[in-house]
Protein backbone atom coordinates (compact mmCIF):
# COMPACT_ATOMS: atom_id res chain seq x y z
CA MET A 1 21.27 -32.11 -28.67
CA LEU A 2 24.53 -30.59 -29.81
CA LEU A 3 25.10 -26.85 -29.66
CA ALA A 4 27.89 -25.27 -31.69
CA GLY A 5 29.09 -21.71 -31.37
CA SER A 6 31.67 -19.75 -33.33
CA THR A 7 32.60 -16.49 -34.90
CA PRO A 8 30.81 -15.82 -38.22
CA GLN A 9 31.57 -18.04 -41.19
CA SER A 10 30.10 -18.67 -44.62
CA PRO A 11 27.23 -21.19 -44.68
CA ILE A 12 28.25 -24.74 -45.63
CA PRO A 13 25.79 -27.34 -47.01
CA VAL A 14 25.99 -30.50 -44.86
CA LEU A 15 23.75 -33.59 -45.05
CA GLY A 16 20.91 -31.68 -46.67
CA CYS A 17 21.12 -28.86 -44.09
CA VAL A 18 23.09 -25.62 -43.87
CA LEU A 19 25.82 -25.25 -41.25
CA HIS A 20 26.28 -21.63 -40.11
CA VAL A 21 29.00 -22.21 -37.49
CA ASP A 22 32.45 -23.74 -37.21
CA PRO A 23 31.94 -26.76 -34.88
CA ASN A 24 35.67 -26.83 -34.19
CA GLN A 25 35.43 -23.62 -32.11
CA VAL A 26 32.83 -24.55 -29.44
CA LEU A 27 30.76 -27.72 -29.30
CA LEU A 28 28.52 -28.63 -26.32
CA ALA A 29 26.39 -31.71 -25.76
CA LEU A 30 23.14 -30.76 -23.97
CA LEU A 31 20.19 -32.77 -22.72
CA ALA A 32 16.82 -31.50 -23.89
CA ASN A 33 13.68 -31.87 -21.80
CA ALA A 34 10.48 -33.56 -23.02
CA ARG A 35 9.48 -30.35 -24.82
CA GLY A 36 12.78 -30.24 -26.71
CA ARG A 37 14.24 -27.34 -24.70
CA ALA A 38 17.82 -27.23 -23.47
CA ASP A 39 19.37 -24.37 -21.47
CA GLN A 40 23.05 -23.53 -21.10
CA PRO A 41 24.30 -20.47 -19.20
CA LEU A 42 27.02 -18.65 -21.11
CA PRO A 43 29.03 -16.25 -18.94
CA ILE A 44 30.47 -13.33 -20.90
CA PRO A 45 33.20 -11.16 -19.35
CA GLY A 46 32.24 -7.51 -18.89
CA THR A 47 35.08 -6.10 -20.96
CA THR A 48 34.64 -3.37 -23.55
CA ALA A 49 36.97 -5.26 -25.93
CA LEU A 50 34.06 -7.62 -26.71
CA LEU A 51 31.53 -4.90 -27.60
CA GLY A 52 30.20 -5.26 -31.13
CA ASN A 53 31.58 -8.77 -31.67
CA GLU A 54 29.25 -11.35 -33.20
CA LEU A 55 28.86 -14.98 -32.24
CA HIS A 56 26.82 -17.56 -34.13
CA PHE A 57 25.12 -20.55 -32.53
CA GLN A 58 23.38 -23.53 -34.07
CA GLY A 59 21.85 -26.70 -32.69
CA ALA A 60 21.72 -30.23 -34.08
CA VAL A 61 19.19 -32.82 -32.96
CA LEU A 62 18.49 -36.43 -33.84
CA ALA A 63 15.65 -36.66 -36.36
CA PRO A 64 14.74 -40.22 -37.42
CA GLN A 65 12.47 -38.86 -40.20
CA SER A 66 15.44 -37.08 -41.81
CA PRO A 67 17.47 -39.01 -44.42
CA SER A 68 20.70 -38.09 -42.58
CA GLY A 69 19.26 -38.94 -39.15
CA LEU A 70 19.71 -35.41 -37.81
CA THR A 71 18.53 -31.90 -38.44
CA LEU A 72 20.04 -28.48 -37.78
CA THR A 73 18.36 -25.38 -36.39
CA ARG A 74 18.34 -22.21 -38.50
CA GLY A 75 20.99 -20.69 -36.25
CA LEU A 76 21.21 -17.65 -34.03
CA ARG A 77 23.38 -14.56 -34.43
CA VAL A 78 24.29 -12.72 -31.22
CA ARG A 79 25.94 -9.29 -31.13
CA LEU A 80 27.58 -8.36 -27.85
CA GLY A 81 26.66 -4.93 -26.57
CA ARG A 82 24.61 -2.52 -28.64
């Protein structure tokens, strides 16, 4: 499984899916368990300068049934703070 994270960007159609992140900002390779779950701690500094910022995350997994051989998750938007 690949996990990409970035600041917000406009959705881009890719291989029949929609990419909601810029994979050039953060890209992690994770191993998923038999249930398809992968965990990755993400330490965030406790500075007020980050309050209100948004990060977007999206996963990609191998999918033999897909014409492109992979599929993307719908994505996750995270706002830091309130």
